[in-house]
């Protein structure tokens, strides 16, 4: 199992921005998930090999997923952050061309990056 490496978490006030990065290469589909304290891990976004992107409703218009194939890096730009965005964020990779919104659709995971948004 390949371990993905994340970076870029931190603490910000509501309305602030953060960018998460994840070093990875070759995957057909890559996604971001998050887990708030006491809650199950939830899907946030994915990007397909063709660059098609999808977002969960709560982050639409605020978060942007992208990838730089030359740098083998996946990004999640998070703007206008809210306290409810607080949690551990995980990047995930899949070798399957179809992108899923569930954890079971991904085989490789990062160690997680903490994002804390204060009001």
C-alpha atoms as a PDB file:
ATOM      1  CA  UNK A   1       0.000   0.000   0.000  1.00  0.00           C
ATOM      2  CA  UNK A   2       1.386   3.371  -1.025  1.00  0.00           C
ATOM      3  CA  UNK A   3       1.428   6.109   1.583  1.00  0.00           C
ATOM      4  CA  UNK A   4       0.528   9.543   0.380  1.00  0.00           C
ATOM      5  CA  UNK A   5       2.113  12.534   2.081  1.00  0.00           C
ATOM      6  CA  UNK A   6       0.065  15.578   2.990  1.00  0.00           C
ATOM      7  CA  UNK A   7       1.022  19.052   4.119  1.00  0.00           C
ATOM      8  CA  UNK A   8      -0.486  22.480   4.610  1.00  0.00           C
ATOM      9  CA  UNK A   9      -2.868  22.100   7.510  1.00  0.00           C
ATOM     10  CA  UNK A  10      -3.090  24.659  10.275  1.00  0.00           C
ATOM     11  CA  UNK A  11      -5.284  26.964  12.310  1.00  0.00           C
ATOM     12  CA  UNK A  12      -7.146  29.953  10.910  1.00  0.00           C
ATOM     13  CA  UNK A  13     -10.012  32.197  11.857  1.00  0.00           C
ATOM     14  CA  UNK A  14     -13.354  31.930  10.130  1.00  0.00           C
ATOM     15  CA  UNK A  15     -13.203  33.496   6.701  1.00  0.00           C
ATOM     16  CA  UNK A  16      -9.558  32.597   6.238  1.00  0.00           C
ATOM     17  CA  UNK A  17      -7.887  30.331   3.711  1.00  0.00           C
ATOM     18  CA  UNK A  18      -5.615  27.311   3.689  1.00  0.00           C
ATOM     19  CA  UNK A  19      -4.168  25.119   0.951  1.00  0.00           C
ATOM     20  CA  UNK A  20      -3.552  21.438   1.460  1.00  0.00           C
ATOM     21  CA  UNK A  21      -1.052  19.534  -0.655  1.00  0.00           C
ATOM     22  CA  UNK A  22      -0.633  15.825  -1.199  1.00  0.00           C
ATOM     23  CA  UNK A  23       2.280  14.198  -2.971  1.00  0.00           C
ATOM     24  CA  UNK A  24       1.069  11.452  -5.260  1.00  0.00           C
ATOM     25  CA  UNK A  25       1.422  10.279  -8.823  1.00  0.00           C
ATOM     26  CA  UNK A  26      -0.169   8.018 -11.366  1.00  0.00           C
ATOM     27  CA  UNK A  27      -3.604   7.631  -9.825  1.00  0.00           C
ATOM     28  CA  UNK A  28      -6.697   7.550 -12.014  1.00  0.00           C
ATOM     29  CA  UNK A  29      -8.750   9.331  -9.398  1.00  0.00           C
ATOM     30  CA  UNK A  30      -7.796  11.327  -6.330  1.00  0.00           C
ATOM     31  CA  UNK A  31      -9.975  12.590  -3.538  1.00  0.00           C
ATOM     32  CA  UNK A  32     -10.087  14.518  -0.302  1.00  0.00           C
ATOM     33  CA  UNK A  33     -11.945  13.318   2.778  1.00  0.00           C
ATOM     34  CA  UNK A  34     -12.294  14.853   6.233  1.00  0.00           C
ATOM     35  CA  UNK A  35     -13.187  13.681   9.696  1.00  0.00           C
ATOM     36  CA  UNK A  36     -14.496  15.998  12.380  1.00  0.00           C
ATOM     37  CA  UNK A  37     -14.126  15.043  16.055  1.00  0.00           C
ATOM     38  CA  UNK A  38     -16.678  12.425  17.000  1.00  0.00           C
ATOM     39  CA  UNK A  39     -17.917  12.017  13.435  1.00  0.00           C
ATOM     40  CA  UNK A  40     -17.360   9.609  10.598  1.00  0.00           C
ATOM     41  CA  UNK A  41     -14.978  10.417   7.813  1.00  0.00           C
ATOM     42  CA  UNK A  42     -16.780  12.094   4.907  1.00  0.00           C
ATOM     43  CA  UNK A  43     -15.992  12.699   1.282  1.00  0.00           C
ATOM     44  CA  UNK A  44     -15.145  16.297   0.337  1.00  0.00           C
ATOM     45  CA  UNK A  45     -14.044  16.310  -3.302  1.00  0.00           C
ATOM     46  CA  UNK A  46     -12.459  14.325  -6.093  1.00  0.00           C
ATOM     47  CA  UNK A  47     -10.674  14.920  -9.369  1.00  0.00           C
ATOM     48  CA  UNK A  48     -10.542  12.391 -12.174  1.00  0.00           C
ATOM     49  CA  UNK A  49      -7.711  11.613 -14.542  1.00  0.00           C
ATOM     50  CA  UNK A  50      -9.436  13.841 -17.092  1.00  0.00           C
ATOM     51  CA  UNK A  51      -9.656  16.713 -14.641  1.00  0.00           C
ATOM     52  CA  UNK A  52     -13.341  16.346 -13.885  1.00  0.00           C
ATOM     53  CA  UNK A  53     -14.089  17.636 -10.380  1.00  0.00           C
ATOM     54  CA  UNK A  54     -16.896  17.153  -7.872  1.00  0.00           C
ATOM     55  CA  UNK A  55     -17.591  18.602  -4.435  1.00  0.00           C
ATOM     56  CA  UNK A  56     -19.822  17.880  -1.513  1.00  0.00           C
ATOM     57  CA  UNK A  57     -22.521  20.525  -1.222  1.00  0.00           C
ATOM     58  CA  UNK A  58     -21.179  22.155   1.939  1.00  0.00           C
ATOM     59  CA  UNK A  59     -17.909  23.203   0.273  1.00  0.00           C
ATOM     60  CA  UNK A  60     -19.110  24.145  -3.207  1.00  0.00           C
ATOM     61  CA  UNK A  61     -17.960  27.618  -4.168  1.00  0.00           C
ATOM     62  CA  UNK A  62     -15.380  27.696  -1.351  1.00  0.00           C
ATOM     63  CA  UNK A  63     -13.042  24.765  -2.009  1.00  0.00           C
ATOM     64  CA  UNK A  64     -11.140  23.977  -5.200  1.00  0.00           C
ATOM     65  CA  UNK A  65      -9.407  20.691  -5.950  1.00  0.00           C
ATOM     66  CA  UNK A  66      -6.613  20.613  -8.486  1.00  0.00           C
ATOM     67  CA  UNK A  67      -3.537  18.648  -9.414  1.00  0.00           C
ATOM     68  CA  UNK A  68      -0.166  19.382 -10.930  1.00  0.00           C
ATOM     69  CA  UNK A  69       0.923  16.294 -12.819  1.00  0.00           C
ATOM     70  CA  UNK A  70       4.412  17.680 -13.406  1.00  0.00           C
ATOM     71  CA  UNK A  71       4.904  18.034  -9.653  1.00  0.00           C
ATOM     72  CA  UNK A  72       2.957  14.882  -8.772  1.00  0.00           C
ATOM     73  CA  UNK A  73       0.901  16.919  -6.339  1.00  0.00           C
ATOM     74  CA  UNK A  74      -2.766  17.162  -5.455  1.00  0.00           C
ATOM     75  CA  UNK A  75      -4.135  20.360  -3.905  1.00  0.00           C
ATOM     76  CA  UNK A  76      -7.182  21.493  -2.007  1.00  0.00           C
ATOM     77  CA  UNK A  77      -7.568  25.266  -1.861  1.00  0.00           C
ATOM     78  CA  UNK A  78      -9.967  26.152   0.949  1.00  0.00           C
ATOM     79  CA  UNK A  79     -11.377  29.678   1.086  1.00  0.00           C
ATOM     80  CA  UNK A  80     -13.923  31.325   3.355  1.00  0.00           C
ATOM     81  CA  UNK A  81     -13.353  28.631   5.937  1.00  0.00           C
ATOM     82  CA  UNK A  82     -16.001  27.998   8.572  1.00  0.00           C
ATOM     83  CA  UNK A  83     -15.738  26.425  12.041  1.00  0.00           C
ATOM     84  CA  UNK A  84     -17.635  23.410  10.731  1.00  0.00           C
ATOM     85  CA  UNK A  85     -14.761  22.761   8.307  1.00  0.00           C
ATOM     86  CA  UNK A  86     -12.597  21.807  11.284  1.00  0.00           C
ATOM     87  CA  UNK A  87     -11.240  18.285  11.123  1.00  0.00           C
ATOM     88  CA  UNK A  88      -8.529  15.967   9.904  1.00  0.00           C
ATOM     89  CA  UNK A  89      -8.223  16.059   6.137  1.00  0.00           C
ATOM     90  CA  UNK A  90      -7.036  13.027   4.178  1.00  0.00           C
ATOM     91  CA  UNK A  91      -6.017  12.661   0.566  1.00  0.00           C
ATOM     92  CA  UNK A  92      -6.735   9.358  -1.143  1.00  0.00           C
ATOM     93  CA  UNK A  93      -5.828   7.724  -4.424  1.00  0.00           C
ATOM     94  CA  UNK A  94      -7.500   5.164  -6.625  1.00  0.00           C
ATOM     95  CA  UNK A  95      -6.233   3.201  -9.613  1.00  0.00           C
ATOM     96  CA  UNK A  96      -9.776   2.751 -10.857  1.00  0.00           C
ATOM     97  CA  UNK A  97     -10.870   5.163 -13.566  1.00  0.00           C
ATOM     98  CA  UNK A  98     -14.325   5.732 -12.067  1.00  0.00           C
ATOM     99  CA  UNK A  99     -14.268   8.183  -9.142  1.00  0.00           C
ATOM    100  CA  UNK A 100     -16.218   7.336  -6.009  1.00  0.00           C
ATOM    101  CA  UNK A 101     -17.579   9.426  -3.155  1.00  0.00           C
ATOM    102  CA  UNK A 102     -16.963   6.685  -0.597  1.00  0.00           C
ATOM    103  CA  UNK A 103     -13.852   5.532   1.244  1.00  0.00           C
ATOM    104  CA  UNK A 104     -14.151   2.087  -0.280  1.00  0.00           C
ATOM    105  CA  UNK A 105     -13.394   3.554  -3.678  1.00  0.00           C
ATOM    106  CA  UNK A 106      -9.800   4.405  -2.699  1.00  0.00           C
ATOM    107  CA  UNK A 107      -6.878   2.146  -1.889  1.00  0.00           C
ATOM    108  CA  UNK A 108      -4.124   4.515  -0.767  1.00  0.00           C
ATOM    109  CA  UNK A 109      -4.331   7.184   1.915  1.00  0.00           C
ATOM    110  CA  UNK A 110      -2.361   9.996   3.458  1.00  0.00           C
ATOM    111  CA  UNK A 111      -1.665  10.330   7.176  1.00  0.00           C
ATOM    112  CA  UNK A 112      -3.987  13.302   7.549  1.00  0.00           C
ATOM    113  CA  UNK A 113      -3.560  17.040   8.002  1.00  0.00           C
ATOM    114  CA  UNK A 114      -5.321  18.907  10.796  1.00  0.00           C
ATOM    115  CA  UNK A 115      -7.411  21.931   9.886  1.00  0.00           C
ATOM    116  CA  UNK A 116      -8.817  24.049  12.715  1.00  0.00           C
ATOM    117  CA  UNK A 117     -11.109  26.997  12.075  1.00  0.00           C
ATOM    118  CA  UNK A 118     -11.993  29.255  14.979  1.00  0.00           C
ATOM    119  CA  UNK A 119     -14.970  31.570  15.113  1.00  0.00           C
END
